[in-house]
PDB file of N, CA and C in Angstrom:
ATOM      1  N   MET A   1     109.795 130.862 110.195  1.00  0.00           N
ATOM      2  CA  MET A   1     110.497 131.082 108.937  1.00  0.00           C
ATOM      3  C   MET A   1     111.222 129.815 108.488  1.00  0.00           C
ATOM      4  N   GLN A   2     111.934 129.172 109.409  1.00  0.00           N
ATOM      5  CA  GLN A   2     112.667 127.946 109.089  1.00  0.00           C
ATOM      6  C   GLN A   2     111.699 126.861 108.606  1.00  0.00           C
ATOM      7  N   TYR A   3     110.535 126.760 109.286  1.00  0.00           N
ATOM      8  CA  TYR A   3     109.549 125.758 108.906  1.00  0.00           C
ATOM      9  C   TYR A   3     109.065 126.001 107.479  1.00  0.00           C
ATOM     10  N   ARG A   4     108.870 127.254 107.110  1.00  0.00           N
ATOM     11  CA  ARG A   4     108.404 127.586 105.758  1.00  0.00           C
ATOM     12  C   ARG A   4     109.430 127.176 104.705  1.00  0.00           C
ATOM     13  N   ILE A   5     110.698 127.394 104.977  1.00  0.00           N
ATOM     14  CA  ILE A   5     111.762 127.017 104.038  1.00  0.00           C
ATOM     15  C   ILE A   5     111.785 125.497 103.867  1.00  0.00           C
ATOM     16  N   ILE A   6     111.684 124.767 104.970  1.00  0.00           N
ATOM     17  CA  ILE A   6     111.664 123.310 104.902  1.00  0.00           C
ATOM     18  C   ILE A   6     110.438 122.836 104.134  1.00  0.00           C
ATOM     19  N   SER A   7     109.304 123.464 104.381  1.00  0.00           N
ATOM     20  CA  SER A   7     108.079 123.109 103.676  1.00  0.00           C
ATOM     21  C   SER A   7     108.212 123.342 102.165  1.00  0.00           C
ATOM     22  N   LEU A   8     108.821 124.454 101.793  1.00  0.00           N
ATOM     23  CA  LEU A   8     109.044 124.735 100.372  1.00  0.00           C
ATOM     24  C   LEU A   8     109.994 123.702  99.761  1.00  0.00           C
ATOM     25  N   PHE A   9     110.976 123.289 100.537  1.00  0.00           N
ATOM     26  CA  PHE A   9     111.919 122.272 100.081  1.00  0.00           C
ATOM     27  C   PHE A   9     111.188 120.956  99.799  1.00  0.00           C
ATOM     28  N   PHE A  10     110.304 120.551 100.729  1.00  0.00           N
ATOM     29  CA  PHE A  10     109.475 119.366 100.518  1.00  0.00           C
ATOM     30  C   PHE A  10     108.662 119.495  99.234  1.00  0.00           C
ATOM     31  N   ASP A  11     108.058 120.646  99.055  1.00  0.00           N
ATOM     32  CA  ASP A  11     107.233 120.886  97.864  1.00  0.00           C
ATOM     33  C   ASP A  11     108.048 120.754  96.585  1.00  0.00           C
ATOM     34  N   ARG A  12     109.234 121.324  96.563  1.00  0.00           N
ATOM     35  CA  ARG A  12     110.090 121.260  95.369  1.00  0.00           C
ATOM     36  C   ARG A  12     110.494 119.826  95.043  1.00  0.00           C
ATOM     37  N   ILE A  13     110.853 119.085  96.074  1.00  0.00           N
ATOM     38  CA  ILE A  13     111.223 117.681  95.861  1.00  0.00           C
ATOM     39  C   ILE A  13     110.020 116.915  95.313  1.00  0.00           C
ATOM     40  N   GLY A  14     108.860 117.153  95.887  1.00  0.00           N
ATOM     41  CA  GLY A  14     107.642 116.500  95.421  1.00  0.00           C
ATOM     42  C   GLY A  14     107.336 116.811  93.966  1.00  0.00           C
ATOM     43  N   ILE A  15     107.521 118.055  93.571  1.00  0.00           N
ATOM     44  CA  ILE A  15     107.277 118.470  92.183  1.00  0.00           C
ATOM     45  C   ILE A  15     108.228 117.746  91.236  1.00  0.00           C
ATOM     46  N   ILE A  16     109.486 117.676  91.600  1.00  0.00           N
ATOM     47  CA  ILE A  16     110.477 116.990  90.754  1.00  0.00           C
ATOM     48  C   ILE A  16     110.153 115.508  90.651  1.00  0.00           C
ATOM     49  N   PHE A  17     109.861 114.873  91.796  1.00  0.00           N
ATOM     50  CA  PHE A  17     109.524 113.446  91.770  1.00  0.00           C
ATOM     51  C   PHE A  17     108.290 113.176  90.925  1.00  0.00           C
ATOM     52  N   GLU A  18     107.288 114.046  91.046  1.00  0.00           N
ATOM     53  CA  GLU A  18     106.061 113.871  90.273  1.00  0.00           C
ATOM     54  C   GLU A  18     106.309 114.082  88.784  1.00  0.00           C
ATOM     55  N   LYS A  19     107.077 115.097  88.452  1.00  0.00           N
ATOM     56  CA  LYS A  19     107.354 115.410  87.047  1.00  0.00           C
ATOM     57  C   LYS A  19     108.033 114.236  86.348  1.00  0.00           C
ATOM     58  N   TYR A  20     109.017 113.650  86.998  1.00  0.00           N
ATOM     59  CA  TYR A  20     109.787 112.574  86.392  1.00  0.00           C
ATOM     60  C   TYR A  20     109.315 111.178  86.811  1.00  0.00           C
ATOM     61  N   LYS A  21     108.255 111.124  87.632  1.00  0.00           N
ATOM     62  CA  LYS A  21     107.666 109.861  88.091  1.00  0.00           C
ATOM     63  C   LYS A  21     108.719 108.931  88.705  1.00  0.00           C
ATOM     64  N   ILE A  22     109.490 109.478  89.645  1.00  0.00           N
ATOM     65  CA  ILE A  22     110.598 108.720  90.232  1.00  0.00           C
ATOM     66  C   ILE A  22     110.481 108.505  91.741  1.00  0.00           C
ATOM     67  N   GLU A  23     109.442 109.008  92.367  1.00  0.00           N
ATOM     68  CA  GLU A  23     109.366 108.924  93.830  1.00  0.00           C
ATOM     69  C   GLU A  23     109.411 107.477  94.312  1.00  0.00           C
ATOM     70  N   LYS A  24     108.844 106.557  93.534  1.00  0.00           N
ATOM     71  CA  LYS A  24     108.812 105.159  93.956  1.00  0.00           C
ATOM     72  C   LYS A  24     110.199 104.540  94.063  1.00  0.00           C
ATOM     73  N   PHE A  25     111.216 105.198  93.504  1.00  0.00           N
ATOM     74  CA  PHE A  25     112.576 104.663  93.529  1.00  0.00           C
ATOM     75  C   PHE A  25     113.412 105.180  94.705  1.00  0.00           C
ATOM     76  N   PHE A  26     112.854 106.071  95.526  1.00  0.00           N
ATOM     77  CA  PHE A  26     113.607 106.705  96.614  1.00  0.00           C
ATOM     78  C   PHE A  26     112.881 106.605  97.940  1.00  0.00           C
ATOM     79  N   THR A  27     113.678 106.540  98.995  1.00  0.00           N
ATOM     80  CA  THR A  27     113.215 106.801 100.355  1.00  0.00           C
ATOM     81  C   THR A  27     113.921 108.078 100.763  1.00  0.00           C
ATOM     82  N   TRP A  28     113.158 109.075 101.212  1.00  0.00           N
ATOM     83  CA  TRP A  28     113.795 110.343 101.545  1.00  0.00           C
ATOM     84  C   TRP A  28     113.079 111.032 102.694  1.00  0.00           C
ATOM     85  N   THR A  29     113.864 111.816 103.427  1.00  0.00           N
ATOM     86  CA  THR A  29     113.331 112.625 104.526  1.00  0.00           C
ATOM     87  C   THR A  29     114.084 113.943 104.574  1.00  0.00           C
ATOM     88  N   VAL A  30     113.417 114.922 105.122  1.00  0.00           N
ATOM     89  CA  VAL A  30     114.046 116.218 105.405  1.00  0.00           C
ATOM     90  C   VAL A  30     113.824 116.463 106.886  1.00  0.00           C
ATOM     91  N   ASP A  31     114.921 116.649 107.634  1.00  0.00           N
ATOM     92  CA  ASP A  31     114.771 116.833 109.070  1.00  0.00           C
ATOM     93  C   ASP A  31     114.388 118.274 109.414  1.00  0.00           C
ATOM     94  N   GLU A  32     114.274 118.557 110.712  1.00  0.00           N
ATOM     95  CA  GLU A  32     113.788 119.866 111.166  1.00  0.00           C
ATOM     96  C   GLU A  32     114.718 121.029 110.836  1.00  0.00           C
ATOM     97  N   ILE A  33     115.985 120.749 110.536  1.00  0.00           N
ATOM     98  CA  ILE A  33     116.893 121.834 110.150  1.00  0.00           C
ATOM     99  C   ILE A  33     117.061 121.916 108.629  1.00  0.00           C
ATOM    100  N   GLY A  34     116.321 121.051 107.908  1.00  0.00           N
ATOM    101  CA  GLY A  34     116.341 121.122 106.455  1.00  0.00           C
ATOM    102  C   GLY A  34     117.331 120.202 105.777  1.00  0.00           C
ATOM    103  N   LYS A  35     117.928 119.276 106.526  1.00  0.00           N
ATOM    104  CA  LYS A  35     118.887 118.344 105.934  1.00  0.00           C
ATOM    105  C   LYS A  35     118.137 117.231 105.199  1.00  0.00           C
ATOM    106  N   LEU A  36     118.509 117.016 103.946  1.00  0.00           N
ATOM    107  CA  LEU A  36     117.898 115.984 103.126  1.00  0.00           C
ATOM    108  C   LEU A  36     118.695 114.693 103.235  1.00  0.00           C
ATOM    109  N   ASP A  37     118.019 113.616 103.573  1.00  0.00           N
ATOM    110  CA  ASP A  37     118.601 112.281 103.547  1.00  0.00           C
ATOM    111  C   ASP A  37     117.803 111.471 102.541  1.00  0.00           C
ATOM    112  N   TRP A  38     118.506 110.767 101.654  1.00  0.00           N
ATOM    113  CA  TRP A  38     117.819 109.953 100.662  1.00  0.00           C
ATOM    114  C   TRP A  38     118.573 108.669 100.403  1.00  0.00           C
ATOM    115  N   GLU A  39     117.844 107.703  99.903  1.00  0.00           N
ATOM    116  CA  GLU A  39     118.435 106.408  99.606  1.00  0.00           C
ATOM    117  C   GLU A  39     117.650 105.793  98.452  1.00  0.00           C
ATOM    118  N   LEU A  40     118.365 105.156  97.547  1.00  0.00           N
ATOM    119  CA  LEU A  40     117.708 104.451  96.459  1.00  0.00           C
ATOM    120  C   LEU A  40     117.101 103.154  96.980  1.00  0.00           C
ATOM    121  N   LYS A  41     115.918 102.804  96.484  1.00  0.00           N
ATOM    122  CA  LYS A  41     115.303 101.521  96.807  1.00  0.00           C
ATOM    123  C   LYS A  41     115.819 100.504  95.791  1.00  0.00           C
ATOM    124  N   LYS A  42     117.005  99.972  96.068  1.00  0.00           N
ATOM    125  CA  LYS A  42     117.700  99.115  95.104  1.00  0.00           C
ATOM    126  C   LYS A  42     116.918  97.853  94.753  1.00  0.00           C
ATOM    127  N   ASP A  43     116.278  97.219  95.724  1.00  0.00           N
ATOM    128  CA  ASP A  43     115.485  96.023  95.438  1.00  0.00           C
ATOM    129  C   ASP A  43     114.318  96.348  94.511  1.00  0.00           C
ATOM    130  N   PHE A  44     113.673  97.469  94.767  1.00  0.00           N
ATOM    131  CA  PHE A  44     112.548  97.894  93.925  1.00  0.00           C
ATOM    132  C   PHE A  44     113.028  98.210  92.511  1.00  0.00           C
ATOM    133  N   ILE A  45     114.164  98.872  92.406  1.00  0.00           N
ATOM    134  CA  ILE A  45     114.717  99.228  91.093  1.00  0.00           C
ATOM    135  C   ILE A  45     115.041  97.961  90.295  1.00  0.00           C
ATOM    136  N   GLU A  46     115.630  96.972  90.943  1.00  0.00           N
ATOM    137  CA  GLU A  46     115.946  95.714  90.255  1.00  0.00           C
ATOM    138  C   GLU A  46     114.681  95.007  89.792  1.00  0.00           C
ATOM    139  N   ALA A  47     113.651  95.026  90.611  1.00  0.00           N
ATOM    140  CA  ALA A  47     112.379  94.401  90.223  1.00  0.00           C
ATOM    141  C   ALA A  47     111.764  95.130  89.033  1.00  0.00           C
ATOM    142  N   GLU A  48     111.845  96.456  89.027  1.00  0.00           N
ATOM    143  CA  GLU A  48     111.313  97.246  87.914  1.00  0.00           C
ATOM    144  C   GLU A  48     112.088  96.988  86.623  1.00  0.00           C
ATOM    145  N   LYS A  49     113.386  96.792  86.726  1.00  0.00           N
ATOM    146  CA  LYS A  49     114.203  96.506  85.540  1.00  0.00           C
ATOM    147  C   LYS A  49     113.727  95.241  84.838  1.00  0.00           C
ATOM    148  N   LYS A  50     113.338  94.251  85.631  1.00  0.00           N
ATOM    149  CA  LYS A  50     112.882  92.984  85.059  1.00  0.00           C
ATOM    150  C   LYS A  50     111.585  93.156  84.275  1.00  0.00           C
ATOM    151  N   LEU A  51     110.765  94.131  84.669  1.00  0.00           N
ATOM    152  CA  LEU A  51     109.476  94.345  84.002  1.00  0.00           C
ATOM    153  C   LEU A  51     109.533  95.415  82.925  1.00  0.00           C
ATOM    154  N   ASP A  52     110.620  96.137  82.832  1.00  0.00           N
ATOM    155  CA  ASP A  52     110.726  97.239  81.875  1.00  0.00           C
ATOM    156  C   ASP A  52     110.532  96.729  80.452  1.00  0.00           C
ATOM    157  N   GLY A  53     109.552  97.304  79.763  1.00  0.00           N
ATOM    158  CA  GLY A  53     109.277  96.920  78.385  1.00  0.00           C
ATOM    159  C   GLY A  53     108.324  95.747  78.254  1.00  0.00           C
ATOM    160  N   CYS A  54     107.865  95.176  79.366  1.00  0.00           N
ATOM    161  CA  CYS A  54     106.925  94.054  79.320  1.00  0.00           C
ATOM    162  C   CYS A  54     105.491  94.577  79.377  1.00  0.00           C
ATOM    163  N   TYR A  55     104.651  93.966  78.610  1.00  0.00           N
ATOM    164  CA  TYR A  55     103.243  94.344  78.585  1.00  0.00           C
ATOM    165  C   TYR A  55     102.375  93.099  78.673  1.00  0.00           C
ATOM    166  N   VAL A  56     101.211  93.250  79.255  1.00  0.00           N
ATOM    167  CA  VAL A  56     100.227  92.183  79.285  1.00  0.00           C
ATOM    168  C   VAL A  56      99.203  92.498  78.210  1.00  0.00           C
ATOM    169  N   ILE A  57      98.957  91.537  77.348  1.00  0.00           N
ATOM    170  CA  ILE A  57      97.980  91.710  76.278  1.00  0.00           C
ATOM    171  C   ILE A  57      96.823  90.778  76.560  1.00  0.00           C
ATOM    172  N   LYS A  58      95.646  91.357  76.690  1.00  0.00           N
ATOM    173  CA  LYS A  58      94.449  90.566  76.941  1.00  0.00           C
ATOM    174  C   LYS A  58      93.635  90.536  75.654  1.00  0.00           C
ATOM    175  N   SER A  59      93.193  89.359  75.286  1.00  0.00           N
ATOM    176  CA  SER A  59      92.424  89.195  74.057  1.00  0.00           C
ATOM    177  C   SER A  59      91.299  88.202  74.294  1.00  0.00           C
ATOM    178  N   ASN A  60      90.203  88.398  73.594  1.00  0.00           N
ATOM    179  CA  ASN A  60      89.118  87.425  73.678  1.00  0.00           C
ATOM    180  C   ASN A  60      89.194  86.420  72.527  1.00  0.00           C
ATOM    181  N   ALA A  61      90.278  86.454  71.754  1.00  0.00           N
ATOM    182  CA  ALA A  61      90.479  85.501  70.666  1.00  0.00           C
ATOM    183  C   ALA A  61      90.809  84.131  71.247  1.00  0.00           C
ATOM    184  N   THR A  62      90.280  83.121  70.617  1.00  0.00           N
ATOM    185  CA  THR A  62      90.582  81.757  71.072  1.00  0.00           C
ATOM    186  C   THR A  62      91.896  81.304  70.454  1.00  0.00           C
ATOM    187  N   CYS A  63      92.490  80.288  71.050  1.00  0.00           N
ATOM    188  CA  CYS A  63      93.747  79.742  70.527  1.00  0.00           C
ATOM    189  C   CYS A  63      93.560  79.182  69.119  1.00  0.00           C
ATOM    190  N   LYS A  64      92.351  78.734  68.813  1.00  0.00           N
ATOM    191  CA  LYS A  64      92.075  78.169  67.489  1.00  0.00           C
ATOM    192  C   LYS A  64      91.960  79.258  66.424  1.00  0.00           C
ATOM    193  N   SER A  65      91.480  80.447  66.816  1.00  0.00           N
ATOM    194  CA  SER A  65      91.293  81.503  65.821  1.00  0.00           C
ATOM    195  C   SER A  65      92.572  82.316  65.576  1.00  0.00           C
ATOM    196  N   LEU A  66      93.347  82.565  66.617  1.00  0.00           N
ATOM    197  CA  LEU A  66      94.605  83.307  66.493  1.00  0.00           C
ATOM    198  C   LEU A  66      95.637  82.705  67.436  1.00  0.00           C
ATOM    199  N   ASN A  67      96.859  82.576  66.951  1.00  0.00           N
ATOM    200  CA  ASN A  67      97.915  82.153  67.872  1.00  0.00           C
ATOM    201  C   ASN A  67      98.527  83.392  68.535  1.00  0.00           C
ATOM    202  N   LYS A  68      99.444  83.172  69.447  1.00  0.00           N
ATOM    203  CA  LYS A  68     100.048  84.268  70.218  1.00  0.00           C
ATOM    204  C   LYS A  68     100.676  85.328  69.312  1.00  0.00           C
ATOM    205  N   GLN A  69     101.405  84.910  68.311  1.00  0.00           N
ATOM    206  CA  GLN A  69     102.093  85.856  67.422  1.00  0.00           C
ATOM    207  C   GLN A  69     101.091  86.676  66.613  1.00  0.00           C
ATOM    208  N   GLU A  70      99.996  86.059  66.185  1.00  0.00           N
ATOM    209  CA  GLU A  70      98.978  86.784  65.417  1.00  0.00           C
ATOM    210  C   GLU A  70      98.303  87.857  66.271  1.00  0.00           C
ATOM    211  N   VAL A  71      98.082  87.564  67.535  1.00  0.00           N
ATOM    212  CA  VAL A  71      97.507  88.569  68.448  1.00  0.00           C
ATOM    213  C   VAL A  71      98.450  89.766  68.551  1.00  0.00           C
ATOM    214  N   ILE A  72      99.739  89.505  68.715  1.00  0.00           N
ATOM    215  CA  ILE A  72     100.732  90.584  68.820  1.00  0.00           C
ATOM    216  C   ILE A  72     100.746  91.423  67.550  1.00  0.00           C
ATOM    217  N   VAL A  73     100.714  90.788  66.391  1.00  0.00           N
ATOM    218  CA  VAL A  73     100.705  91.515  65.121  1.00  0.00           C
ATOM    219  C   VAL A  73      99.471  92.400  65.027  1.00  0.00           C
ATOM    220  N   HIS A  74      98.304  91.896  65.405  1.00  0.00           N
ATOM    221  CA  HIS A  74      97.080  92.687  65.346  1.00  0.00           C
ATOM    222  C   HIS A  74      97.146  93.884  66.301  1.00  0.00           C
ATOM    223  N   ILE A  75      97.675  93.677  67.485  1.00  0.00           N
ATOM    224  CA  ILE A  75      97.832  94.780  68.451  1.00  0.00           C
ATOM    225  C   ILE A  75      98.769  95.848  67.879  1.00  0.00           C
ATOM    226  N   GLN A  76      99.854  95.424  67.277  1.00  0.00           N
ATOM    227  CA  GLN A  76     100.801  96.385  66.674  1.00  0.00           C
ATOM    228  C   GLN A  76     100.160  97.156  65.541  1.00  0.00           C
ATOM    229  N   LEU A  77      99.308  96.534  64.775  1.00  0.00           N
ATOM    230  CA  LEU A  77      98.610  97.221  63.684  1.00  0.00           C
ATOM    231  C   LEU A  77      97.647  98.281  64.214  1.00  0.00           C
ATOM    232  N   ILE A  78      97.019  98.003  65.348  1.00  0.00           N
ATOM    233  CA  ILE A  78      96.096  98.969  65.959  1.00  0.00           C
ATOM    234  C   ILE A  78      96.860 100.229  66.387  1.00  0.00           C
ATOM    235  N   LYS A  79      98.074 100.067  66.885  1.00  0.00           N
ATOM    236  CA  LYS A  79      98.876 101.197  67.376  1.00  0.00           C
ATOM    237  C   LYS A  79      99.316 102.128  66.258  1.00  0.00           C
ATOM    238  N   ILE A  80      99.377 101.618  65.021  1.00  0.00           N
ATOM    239  CA  ILE A  80      99.870 102.421  63.898  1.00  0.00           C
ATOM    240  C   ILE A  80      98.879 103.426  63.456  1.00  0.00           C
TER     241      ILE A  80
END
């Protein structure tokens, strides 16, 4: 019975992490009596902050045909 409760607890945590896509930010364990231990991955979070909002744009346009800003404008027009 205790094992089933712990297993359900694992499942619930997994569902929440998956729903909000946050598992990569935590290290967590549940011991045999059901105690949850967790810790934020602070180094990983700081690295993610640096990349937040950054995108890589790949284009087959040459530098002579379009400059960097023109590529960005064309990509933005496609999204509209």
